[in-house]
Amino acid sequence: MNKAQQFFQKEYLSHKQRPVSVQINGKDFVIPYAYTKTNQPKSVITKSFLNDFFDAQHKESSIYAKHNIEPRKVVWVDDDTKYVFLEPFALRNKNLSNSEIISAVFKKAEKRYNNAAVLTERLQKAYPDEKKSYTISSADVKSMKSEYHRYLWNKTKSKTKYGASLVADFLRRSIVSTSHKIADLTPDKLKRAAKKYALAALIGSATIGGGYKLAQSDIFNSDKIENIGDQNAIQKHNAEVFDESLDDIKTVLCFMENFSSKAFKDGKGVPTIGYGCTYLIDENGRGNREISPIRMGMNMTMDEAVEQKDRYLIHRVKKQILEDVKVPLEKKDIIASATFMYVIGPNAFKKSEYLKAMNNGVEGEELAHYMLGFAKDKGVVKRNWFAAQIMSGKLETADFLDFRAEGCYSLEMEDCCEMDGNRVKRDENGMGCFIDDHFEENIAKAKKKRSSVIGECKIVREILPQKVVSSVLDNNQKKDFNLALWQKGQSRNS
């Protein structure tokens, strides 16, 4: 029994439970305690563990799909379990035998299992009162690494008065002396360097005299080093606001996407179900159109559709916001940004002028104009007009409950933005401009009866679970849409 298995066994003993184990490829593996919390039968626990043990295969599938290459598949039978492995993309030109491929897949999986044990043990020692336990999934291992780095960094900062100066000196001496130039360092490289030095300082690899003085640099100073810690606080704030806004985001997306309990083909012929779901995502965030697509004939309840929307928002949209947004956001900003990202996709959001402007401090109605960077698709413009109204404070989420699903598509381009013939009008900086000259008319159009490929479009509140509707009404001050609209009209006329 290796150290990882010994540690996971101790986890059970600390909870006065008997360890659950499984044999893979002739080796016994203790399943981490985190998998047993749901009190499921051993067969279910084992299946969940095995899915995570080999979940690197999902990434391999995505890489092959991205390069439009058909992967080589190898069948492996372990006891009564049959596996179909993809040859690791990085090894595809090595002319490996089937047994060598199986060995490579297994070796990678076992390495992450051992790594998960080490990280879990470190975090349990770092936060002994929290009694945390983790799975071995890729997502959990990545999360544990980030959490442990934050712990090291915060501990190093508070350990001495000259902690920031130590990092500054490390960067000045260790990085400048390499082939890297300070001016070329990205924020991520800076963070990695700081974390590396924090670890060295904690284990005593560096000995600095008490009379040490701050290394002078025109680029690095203690205030800029401190901002690394500040970013963690911003991420925590945005994460909390995002979690509080989930029902609001789902409501706006229900307005934009509609709901169908049966799979249908959208305008591009893609099988779709629920609230615009084109593939299924599991509880760990795994899933894409290649490995878990929606197929014709599928059915889905509202609660199941909400759960799928939750998983996409948390594992795709929230993740991107926390990684890319460098400023604290208000609730309306989170709602508008999340719906905007949902429309254009996380990758496009990452490269957008909207994100750059947001991180540069642009906000409110001025920031909303940057959504018009995606103006070639008329449907996207119409959806983003409503997101812009949320950001500028002219619409509350509760207002959307009384709109007609897909009501955004009842608008014309001229209702949404300044036009130059058939195109969005641009200023000298290439910026378009949303307008609210037809605000009341647009709202009336959003409430009109309309039909789509799945039939008559219902009122948004009718195609959401009651718990979501109640949550939105409880969290919005303006519960009466007509009163809210009147108040907005009065403020604009005053």
Protein backbone atom coordinates (compact mmCIF):
# COMPACT_ATOMS: atom_id res chain seq x y z
CA MET A 1 0.00 0.00 0.00
CA ASN A 2 1.58 3.30 -1.11
CA LYS A 3 1.39 6.65 0.70
CA ALA A 4 -1.70 7.82 -1.20
CA GLN A 5 -3.68 4.72 -0.27
CA GLN A 6 -2.49 4.97 3.32
CA PHE A 7 -3.65 8.59 3.51
CA PHE A 8 -7.10 7.89 2.02
CA GLN A 9 -7.44 4.98 4.45
CA LYS A 10 -6.70 7.33 7.37
CA GLU A 11 -9.47 9.62 6.10
CA TYR A 12 -12.02 6.88 6.76
CA LEU A 13 -10.55 6.09 10.17
CA SER A 14 -10.84 9.76 11.20
CA HIS A 15 -14.58 9.52 10.42
CA LYS A 16 -14.82 6.10 12.09
CA GLN A 17 -15.80 4.49 8.80
CA ARG A 18 -14.60 1.35 7.06
CA PRO A 19 -12.56 2.13 3.93
CA VAL A 20 -14.10 1.47 0.50
CA SER A 21 -11.66 0.19 -2.10
CA VAL A 22 -11.62 -1.04 -5.69
CA GLN A 23 -9.14 -3.08 -7.71
CA ILE A 24 -7.96 -1.63 -11.02
CA ASN A 25 -5.43 -3.40 -13.24
CA GLY A 26 -4.51 -5.75 -10.39
CA LYS A 27 -3.93 -2.90 -7.88
CA ASP A 28 -6.05 -1.99 -4.88
CA PHE A 29 -7.09 1.66 -4.64
CA VAL A 30 -8.77 3.18 -1.59
CA ILE A 31 -11.61 5.40 -2.81
CA PRO A 32 -11.39 8.88 -1.18
CA TYR A 33 -13.89 9.49 1.59
CA ALA A 34 -15.50 12.34 -0.43
CA TYR A 35 -17.19 9.79 -2.72
CA THR A 36 -19.04 8.12 0.16
CA LYS A 37 -20.71 11.26 1.54
CA THR A 38 -23.87 10.69 -0.49
CA ASN A 39 -24.44 7.28 1.15
CA GLN A 40 -24.89 5.66 -2.25
CA PRO A 41 -24.42 1.90 -2.80
CA LYS A 42 -20.85 0.76 -3.32
CA SER A 43 -21.52 0.11 -7.02
CA VAL A 44 -22.50 3.76 -7.54
CA ILE A 45 -19.55 5.04 -5.50
CA THR A 46 -17.15 2.85 -7.46
CA LYS A 47 -18.57 3.96 -10.81
CA SER A 48 -18.22 7.63 -9.86
CA PHE A 49 -14.65 7.05 -8.72
CA LEU A 50 -13.71 5.20 -11.91
CA ASN A 51 -15.19 7.97 -14.05
CA ASP A 52 -12.96 10.47 -12.28
CA PHE A 53 -9.95 8.12 -12.28
CA PHE A 54 -9.94 8.08 -16.08
CA ASP A 55 -11.52 11.49 -16.75
CA ALA A 56 -8.39 12.71 -18.58
CA GLN A 57 -9.90 10.77 -21.48
CA HIS A 58 -12.58 13.46 -21.84
CA LYS A 59 -9.87 16.04 -22.47
CA GLU A 60 -8.23 13.75 -25.03
CA SER A 61 -11.56 13.48 -26.85
CA SER A 62 -11.90 17.28 -26.96
CA ILE A 63 -8.36 17.70 -28.30
CA TYR A 64 -8.96 15.19 -31.09
CA ALA A 65 -12.26 16.89 -31.96
CA LYS A 66 -10.58 20.30 -32.02
CA HIS A 67 -7.98 19.04 -34.52
CA ASN A 68 -10.64 17.11 -36.48
CA ILE A 69 -8.67 13.86 -36.11
CA GLU A 70 -10.23 10.45 -35.56
CA PRO A 71 -8.59 8.95 -32.44
CA ARG A 72 -7.24 5.42 -32.22
CA LYS A 73 -9.30 3.40 -29.74
CA VAL A 74 -8.11 0.53 -27.58
CA VAL A 75 -10.39 -1.89 -25.72
CA TRP A 76 -9.32 -3.02 -22.25
CA VAL A 77 -11.24 -5.48 -20.05
CA ASP A 78 -10.52 -5.37 -16.32
CA ASP A 79 -12.44 -8.12 -14.49
CA ASP A 80 -16.01 -7.62 -15.69
CA THR A 81 -15.52 -3.98 -16.72
CA LYS A 82 -14.91 -3.06 -20.34
CA TYR A 83 -13.06 0.19 -21.12
CA VAL A 84 -12.51 1.91 -24.45
CA PHE A 85 -9.46 4.18 -24.25
CA LEU A 86 -8.33 6.84 -26.68
CA GLU A 87 -4.64 6.91 -27.49
CA PRO A 88 -3.21 10.02 -25.75
CA PHE A 89 -2.99 12.79 -28.34
CA ALA A 90 0.63 13.55 -27.46
CA LEU A 91 1.59 9.91 -28.13
CA ARG A 92 -0.37 9.43 -31.35
CA ASN A 93 2.74 9.33 -33.57
CA LYS A 94 4.78 6.99 -31.34
CA ASN A 95 3.49 3.73 -32.91
CA LEU A 96 2.65 2.32 -29.50
CA SER A 97 1.16 -1.14 -29.04
CA ASN A 98 -2.27 -1.55 -27.43
CA SER A 99 -0.70 -2.61 -24.13
CA GLU A 100 1.61 0.43 -24.16
CA ILE A 101 -1.35 2.75 -24.69
CA ILE A 102 -3.26 1.14 -21.82
CA SER A 103 -0.16 1.44 -19.64
CA ALA A 104 0.23 5.15 -20.51
CA VAL A 105 -3.43 5.92 -19.73
CA PHE A 106 -3.26 4.02 -16.44
CA LYS A 107 0.04 5.64 -15.41
CA LYS A 108 -1.38 9.13 -15.96
CA ALA A 109 -4.53 8.29 -13.98
CA GLU A 110 -2.54 6.82 -11.07
CA LYS A 111 -0.28 9.88 -11.00
CA ARG A 112 -3.28 12.17 -10.51
CA TYR A 113 -4.68 9.84 -7.82
CA ASN A 114 -1.39 10.18 -5.90
CA ASN A 115 -1.31 13.93 -6.49
CA ALA A 116 -4.87 14.28 -5.17
CA ALA A 117 -3.83 12.50 -1.96
CA VAL A 118 -0.88 14.85 -1.43
CA LEU A 119 -2.96 17.98 -2.02
CA THR A 120 -5.83 16.77 0.17
CA GLU A 121 -3.41 16.06 3.01
CA ARG A 122 -1.78 19.50 2.68
CA LEU A 123 -5.12 21.30 2.71
CA GLN A 124 -6.39 19.32 5.68
CA LYS A 125 -3.25 20.33 7.59
CA ALA A 126 -3.62 23.94 6.44
CA TYR A 127 -7.28 24.12 7.52
CA PRO A 128 -7.63 21.46 10.27
CA ASP A 129 -10.95 22.80 11.56
CA GLU A 130 -12.75 22.56 8.20
CA LYS A 131 -12.33 18.77 7.77
CA LYS A 132 -12.48 19.07 4.00
CA SER A 133 -12.42 16.06 1.70
CA TYR A 134 -12.01 16.01 -2.08
CA THR A 135 -12.45 13.75 -5.09
CA ILE A 136 -9.66 12.93 -7.56
CA SER A 137 -11.39 14.58 -10.54
CA SER A 138 -9.36 16.93 -12.72
CA ALA A 139 -11.54 19.84 -11.59
CA ASP A 140 -10.99 19.08 -7.89
CA VAL A 141 -7.24 18.62 -8.28
CA LYS A 142 -6.98 21.94 -10.12
CA SER A 143 -9.10 23.62 -7.45
CA MET A 144 -6.95 22.14 -4.68
CA LYS A 145 -3.78 23.43 -6.30
CA SER A 146 -5.21 26.94 -6.49
CA GLU A 147 -6.47 26.80 -2.92
CA TYR A 148 -3.13 25.60 -1.58
CA HIS A 149 -1.23 28.28 -3.49
CA ARG A 150 -3.52 30.95 -2.00
CA TYR A 151 -2.84 29.52 1.45
CA LEU A 152 0.92 29.63 0.92
CA TRP A 153 0.83 33.14 -0.48
CA ASN A 154 -1.35 34.53 2.33
CA LYS A 155 0.76 32.81 4.97
CA THR A 156 3.98 34.18 3.51
CA LYS A 157 2.55 37.70 3.30
CA SER A 158 1.53 37.73 6.94
CA LYS A 159 4.59 35.91 8.26
CA THR A 160 6.97 38.89 8.21
CA LYS A 161 6.85 42.62 7.63
CA TYR A 162 9.24 42.27 4.73
CA GLY A 163 7.39 39.47 2.93
CA ALA A 164 6.52 41.64 -0.06
CA SER A 165 10.10 42.85 -0.35
CA LEU A 166 11.33 39.24 -0.40
CA VAL A 167 9.12 38.51 -3.39
CA ALA A 168 10.16 41.74 -5.09
CA ASP A 169 13.82 40.83 -4.65
CA PHE A 170 13.20 37.27 -5.86
CA LEU A 171 11.58 38.63 -9.01
CA ARG A 172 14.36 41.16 -9.55
CA ARG A 173 17.23 38.71 -9.05
CA SER A 174 15.81 35.38 -10.24
CA ILE A 175 13.69 36.43 -13.20
CA VAL A 176 15.66 39.33 -14.61
CA SER A 177 18.76 37.16 -14.63
CA THR A 178 17.03 34.66 -16.90
CA SER A 179 16.09 35.08 -20.54
CA HIS A 180 12.77 36.67 -19.44
CA LYS A 181 12.39 40.44 -19.26
CA ILE A 182 10.21 41.98 -16.59
CA ALA A 183 8.24 43.87 -19.21
CA ASP A 184 7.31 40.56 -20.87
CA LEU A 185 5.88 38.97 -17.72
CA THR A 186 2.17 38.24 -17.78
CA PRO A 187 0.10 38.46 -14.55
CA ASP A 188 -0.09 34.65 -14.49
CA LYS A 189 3.70 34.31 -14.74
CA LEU A 190 4.06 36.87 -11.96
CA LYS A 191 1.67 34.90 -9.75
CA ARG A 192 3.46 31.62 -10.43
CA ALA A 193 6.82 33.19 -9.58
CA ALA A 194 5.45 34.69 -6.37
CA LYS A 195 3.88 31.38 -5.32
CA LYS A 196 7.12 29.53 -6.06
CA TYR A 197 9.06 31.90 -3.85
CA ALA A 198 6.38 31.78 -1.15
CA LEU A 199 6.85 28.02 -0.93
CA ALA A 200 10.64 28.40 -0.78
CA ALA A 201 10.33 30.95 2.03
CA LEU A 202 8.01 28.71 4.03
CA ILE A 203 10.29 25.70 3.98
CA GLY A 204 13.33 27.76 4.86
CA SER A 205 15.10 27.70 1.53
CA ALA A 206 15.81 31.40 1.82
CA THR A 207 17.54 33.07 4.77
CA ILE A 208 17.36 36.84 4.87
CA GLY A 209 18.93 39.05 7.53
CA GLY A 210 16.78 41.30 9.66
CA GLY A 211 18.37 44.37 8.14
CA TYR A 212 17.20 43.56 4.62
CA LYS A 213 15.87 46.52 2.65
CA LEU A 214 13.35 46.63 -0.20
CA ALA A 215 14.93 46.16 -3.62
CA GLN A 216 14.27 49.25 -5.71
CA SER A 217 12.67 48.78 -9.12
CA ASP A 218 10.82 51.05 -11.49
CA ILE A 219 8.46 48.20 -12.33
CA PHE A 220 7.96 46.15 -9.16
CA ASN A 221 7.12 47.60 -5.78
CA SER A 222 5.37 46.33 -2.66
CA ASP A 223 2.04 47.88 -3.68
CA LYS A 224 2.00 45.98 -6.99
CA ILE A 225 3.01 42.76 -5.26
CA GLU A 226 0.15 43.29 -2.79
CA ASN A 227 -2.30 43.40 -5.70
CA ILE A 228 -1.83 39.66 -6.17
CA GLY A 229 -3.56 39.18 -2.85
CA ASP A 230 -6.17 41.80 -3.74
CA GLN A 231 -7.13 39.79 -6.83
CA ASN A 232 -8.05 36.85 -4.62
CA ALA A 233 -10.44 39.13 -2.72
CA ILE A 234 -11.97 40.32 -6.01
CA GLN A 235 -12.46 36.72 -7.17
CA LYS A 236 -14.12 35.82 -3.86
CA HIS A 237 -16.44 38.82 -4.13
CA ASN A 238 -17.42 38.06 -7.74
CA ALA A 239 -17.95 34.37 -6.89
CA GLU A 240 -20.35 35.29 -4.07
CA VAL A 241 -22.28 37.75 -6.24
CA PHE A 242 -22.47 35.21 -9.08
CA ASP A 243 -23.87 32.53 -6.77
CA GLU A 244 -26.47 34.99 -5.44
CA SER A 245 -27.46 35.88 -9.02
CA LEU A 246 -27.92 32.37 -10.45
CA ASP A 247 -31.73 32.45 -10.50
CA ASP A 248 -31.67 35.92 -12.06
CA ILE A 249 -29.32 34.77 -14.83
CA LYS A 250 -31.46 31.68 -15.50
CA THR A 251 -34.57 33.86 -15.77
CA VAL A 252 -33.01 36.17 -18.37
CA LEU A 253 -31.71 33.17 -20.33
CA CYS A 254 -35.16 31.55 -20.21
CA PHE A 255 -36.48 34.71 -21.89
CA MET A 256 -33.77 34.48 -24.55
CA GLU A 257 -33.72 30.69 -25.03
CA ASN A 258 -37.28 29.45 -24.31
CA PHE A 259 -37.98 26.01 -22.83
CA SER A 260 -38.77 22.67 -24.45
CA SER A 261 -39.30 19.39 -22.62
CA LYS A 262 -38.67 17.49 -25.87
CA ALA A 263 -35.57 17.54 -28.06
CA PHE A 264 -35.94 19.58 -31.24
CA LYS A 265 -33.60 20.86 -33.96
CA ASP A 266 -32.71 24.54 -33.67
CA GLY A 267 -32.27 26.91 -36.61
CA LYS A 268 -28.88 25.36 -37.38
CA GLY A 269 -30.16 21.80 -37.17
CA VAL A 270 -28.55 21.09 -33.77
CA PRO A 271 -30.65 18.88 -31.42
CA THR A 272 -31.62 21.08 -28.45
CA ILE A 273 -33.63 20.61 -25.26
CA GLY A 274 -34.51 22.40 -22.01
CA TYR A 275 -33.31 25.99 -21.89
CA GLY A 276 -31.18 25.89 -25.02
CA CYS A 277 -29.17 22.83 -23.96
CA THR A 278 -27.25 21.15 -26.83
CA TYR A 279 -25.29 18.67 -24.66
CA LEU A 280 -25.39 17.24 -21.15
CA ILE A 281 -22.98 18.20 -18.35
CA ASP A 282 -22.40 15.95 -15.33
CA GLU A 283 -22.07 17.09 -11.72
CA ASN A 284 -18.31 17.54 -12.11
CA GLY A 285 -18.68 19.82 -15.13
CA ARG A 286 -17.76 17.24 -17.75
CA GLY A 287 -19.56 17.14 -21.08
CA ASN A 288 -19.52 18.55 -24.59
CA ARG A 289 -21.29 18.10 -27.90
CA GLU A 290 -18.92 15.30 -28.92
CA ILE A 291 -19.22 13.03 -25.87
CA SER A 292 -22.70 13.83 -24.50
CA PRO A 293 -24.87 15.44 -27.22
CA ILE A 294 -28.61 15.90 -27.04
CA ARG A 295 -30.31 13.38 -29.29
CA MET A 296 -33.73 13.49 -30.88
CA GLY A 297 -36.30 11.64 -28.79
CA MET A 298 -34.90 12.83 -25.44
CA ASN A 299 -37.19 14.35 -22.78
CA MET A 300 -36.33 16.71 -19.91
CA THR A 301 -38.31 18.20 -17.02
CA MET A 302 -38.01 21.86 -15.96
CA ASP A 303 -36.05 20.87 -12.84
CA GLU A 304 -33.66 18.79 -14.93
CA ALA A 305 -33.25 21.65 -17.40
CA VAL A 306 -32.53 24.09 -14.55
CA GLU A 307 -29.91 21.68 -13.19
CA GLN A 308 -28.22 21.51 -16.61
CA LYS A 309 -28.28 25.30 -16.85
CA ASP A 310 -26.78 25.53 -13.35
CA ARG A 311 -23.94 23.22 -14.32
CA TYR A 312 -23.13 25.16 -17.47
CA LEU A 313 -23.23 28.49 -15.67
CA ILE A 314 -21.07 27.31 -12.80
CA HIS A 315 -18.52 25.20 -14.68
CA ARG A 316 -18.24 27.34 -17.82
CA VAL A 317 -19.47 30.92 -17.30
CA LYS A 318 -18.57 31.47 -13.62
CA LYS A 319 -15.16 29.88 -14.14
CA GLN A 320 -14.40 32.27 -17.02
CA ILE A 321 -15.57 35.33 -15.08
CA LEU A 322 -13.40 34.47 -12.09
CA GLU A 323 -10.37 33.86 -14.31
CA ASP A 324 -10.69 36.88 -16.60
CA VAL A 325 -12.47 39.70 -14.74
CA LYS A 326 -10.05 41.76 -12.65
CA VAL A 327 -12.52 44.21 -11.07
CA PRO A 328 -15.32 43.68 -8.52
CA LEU A 329 -18.77 43.54 -10.13
CA GLU A 330 -22.24 44.50 -8.94
CA LYS A 331 -25.14 42.09 -9.31
CA LYS A 332 -26.48 43.78 -12.46
CA ASP A 333 -23.00 43.59 -14.02
CA ILE A 334 -22.75 39.87 -13.22
CA ILE A 335 -26.21 39.16 -14.69
CA ALA A 336 -25.56 41.15 -17.88
CA SER A 337 -22.03 39.78 -18.33
CA ALA A 338 -23.12 36.18 -17.77
CA THR A 339 -25.94 36.43 -20.33
CA PHE A 340 -23.60 38.21 -22.76
CA MET A 341 -20.99 35.45 -22.36
CA TYR A 342 -23.67 32.79 -22.77
CA VAL A 343 -24.62 34.32 -26.12
CA ILE A 344 -21.10 34.70 -27.55
CA GLY A 345 -19.32 31.83 -25.72
CA PRO A 346 -16.56 31.86 -23.07
CA ASN A 347 -13.70 31.87 -25.59
CA ALA A 348 -15.06 34.89 -27.46
CA PHE A 349 -15.68 36.64 -24.12
CA LYS A 350 -12.03 36.14 -23.18
CA LYS A 351 -10.88 37.95 -26.34
CA SER A 352 -13.61 40.62 -26.38
CA GLU A 353 -13.23 44.39 -26.24
CA TYR A 354 -16.03 44.26 -23.68
CA LEU A 355 -13.79 42.40 -21.20
CA LYS A 356 -10.87 44.74 -21.86
CA ALA A 357 -13.06 47.78 -21.25
CA MET A 358 -14.51 46.26 -18.06
CA ASN A 359 -11.05 45.56 -16.66
CA ASN A 360 -10.06 49.13 -17.53
CA GLY A 361 -12.84 50.50 -15.33
CA VAL A 362 -15.52 51.25 -17.94
CA GLU A 363 -18.98 50.53 -16.50
CA GLY A 364 -22.72 51.04 -16.79
CA GLU A 365 -24.27 52.28 -20.02
CA GLU A 366 -20.87 53.10 -21.55
CA LEU A 367 -19.66 49.52 -21.01
CA ALA A 368 -22.89 48.12 -22.46
CA HIS A 369 -22.03 49.59 -25.86
CA TYR A 370 -19.08 47.21 -26.09
CA MET A 371 -21.57 44.36 -26.46
CA LEU A 372 -22.11 45.66 -29.98
CA GLY A 373 -18.73 44.26 -30.97
CA PHE A 374 -20.77 41.19 -31.97
CA ALA A 375 -23.12 42.89 -34.42
CA LYS A 376 -23.07 40.58 -37.45
CA ASP A 377 -25.74 38.29 -35.99
CA LYS A 378 -29.00 40.22 -35.68
CA GLY A 379 -30.33 37.83 -33.05
CA VAL A 380 -27.26 38.42 -30.89
CA VAL A 381 -27.75 42.20 -31.10
CA LYS A 382 -31.38 41.90 -30.02
CA ARG A 383 -30.49 39.68 -27.06
CA ASN A 384 -27.66 41.97 -26.03
CA TRP A 385 -29.96 45.00 -26.13
CA PHE A 386 -31.81 43.50 -23.17
CA ALA A 387 -28.53 42.67 -21.40
CA ALA A 388 -27.51 46.30 -21.90
CA GLN A 389 -30.75 47.48 -20.27
CA ILE A 390 -29.92 45.37 -17.20
CA MET A 391 -26.42 46.82 -16.99
CA SER A 392 -27.64 50.41 -17.34
CA GLY A 393 -30.29 49.81 -14.65
CA LYS A 394 -33.35 50.26 -16.87
CA LEU A 395 -34.59 46.69 -16.39
CA GLU A 396 -34.76 44.45 -13.32
CA THR A 397 -34.72 40.65 -13.57
CA ALA A 398 -38.29 40.51 -12.21
CA ASP A 399 -39.40 42.45 -15.30
CA PHE A 400 -38.42 39.49 -17.50
CA LEU A 401 -40.89 37.19 -15.75
CA ASP A 402 -43.74 38.92 -17.61
CA PHE A 403 -42.04 38.88 -21.01
CA ARG A 404 -42.77 36.32 -23.69
CA ALA A 405 -40.05 33.68 -24.21
CA GLU A 406 -37.96 34.64 -27.26
CA GLY A 407 -39.59 38.07 -27.11
CA CYS A 408 -36.23 39.64 -27.93
CA TYR A 409 -36.58 38.35 -31.49
CA SER A 410 -39.76 40.42 -32.00
CA LEU A 411 -37.59 43.55 -32.12
CA GLU A 412 -36.07 45.07 -35.25
CA MET A 413 -32.44 46.15 -35.50
CA GLU A 414 -33.60 49.78 -35.73
CA ASP A 415 -35.29 49.33 -32.34
CA CYS A 416 -31.97 48.38 -30.71
CA CYS A 417 -29.17 50.51 -32.09
CA GLU A 418 -28.17 53.26 -34.48
CA MET A 419 -28.03 51.90 -38.01
CA ASP A 420 -26.17 52.87 -41.16
CA GLY A 421 -28.33 51.25 -43.80
CA ASN A 422 -28.27 47.52 -43.11
CA ARG A 423 -25.29 47.75 -40.78
CA VAL A 424 -24.75 48.92 -37.23
CA LYS A 425 -23.49 52.51 -37.31
CA ARG A 426 -19.94 52.92 -36.00
CA ASP A 427 -18.16 56.02 -34.68
CA GLU A 428 -14.53 56.95 -35.39
CA ASN A 429 -13.42 54.44 -32.74
CA GLY A 430 -15.39 51.61 -34.30
CA MET A 431 -17.99 51.72 -31.51
CA GLY A 432 -21.68 51.09 -32.09
CA CYS A 433 -24.38 52.54 -29.88
CA PHE A 434 -27.46 50.94 -28.33
CA ILE A 435 -30.49 53.25 -28.16
CA ASP A 436 -33.51 53.31 -25.88
CA ASP A 437 -35.60 55.70 -28.00
CA HIS A 438 -38.11 52.86 -28.43
CA PHE A 439 -37.84 51.52 -24.90
CA GLU A 440 -41.57 51.28 -24.16
CA GLU A 441 -42.31 49.92 -27.66
CA ASN A 442 -39.56 47.31 -27.28
CA ILE A 443 -40.97 46.17 -23.95
CA ALA A 444 -44.43 45.90 -25.50
CA LYS A 445 -42.98 43.82 -28.37
CA ALA A 446 -41.22 41.55 -25.87
CA LYS A 447 -44.64 40.77 -24.34
CA LYS A 448 -46.48 40.15 -27.63
CA LYS A 449 -47.69 36.68 -28.58
CA ARG A 450 -45.29 34.86 -30.85
CA SER A 451 -44.54 31.35 -32.06
CA SER A 452 -41.29 29.48 -32.62
CA VAL A 453 -40.17 26.10 -33.97
CA ILE A 454 -41.46 24.47 -30.77
CA GLY A 455 -44.88 26.14 -30.86
CA GLU A 456 -46.46 29.11 -29.11
CA CYS A 457 -44.04 30.96 -26.80
CA LYS A 458 -45.26 31.13 -23.21
CA ILE A 459 -44.77 33.83 -20.57
CA VAL A 460 -41.37 33.39 -18.90
CA ARG A 461 -42.78 32.84 -15.40
CA GLU A 462 -44.84 29.93 -16.78
CA ILE A 463 -41.79 27.99 -18.00
CA LEU A 464 -39.63 28.29 -14.88
CA PRO A 465 -39.93 26.25 -11.67
CA GLN A 466 -41.83 28.18 -9.01
CA LYS A 467 -38.80 28.23 -6.71
CA VAL A 468 -36.85 30.21 -9.33
CA VAL A 469 -39.72 32.66 -9.84
CA SER A 470 -40.11 33.18 -6.08
CA SER A 471 -36.37 33.69 -5.66
CA VAL A 472 -36.28 36.39 -8.35
CA LEU A 473 -39.33 38.19 -6.93
CA ASP A 474 -37.90 38.08 -3.40
CA ASN A 475 -34.56 39.47 -4.54
CA ASN A 476 -35.89 42.29 -6.72
CA GLN A 477 -37.27 45.45 -5.21
CA LYS A 478 -39.49 46.24 -8.21
CA LYS A 479 -41.97 43.38 -8.23
CA ASP A 480 -44.63 45.15 -10.31
CA PHE A 481 -43.43 45.53 -13.88
CA ASN A 482 -45.89 48.28 -14.86
CA LEU A 483 -44.93 50.38 -11.85
CA ALA A 484 -41.25 49.81 -12.61
CA LEU A 485 -41.74 50.91 -16.23
CA TRP A 486 -43.67 54.03 -15.15
CA GLN A 487 -40.94 54.99 -12.70
CA LYS A 488 -38.26 54.60 -15.37
CA GLY A 489 -40.29 56.73 -17.80
CA GLN A 490 -40.71 59.43 -15.17
CA SER A 491 -36.98 59.50 -14.39
CA ARG A 492 -36.11 59.88 -18.09
CA ASN A 493 -38.65 62.69 -18.57
CA SER A 494 -37.59 64.64 -15.48
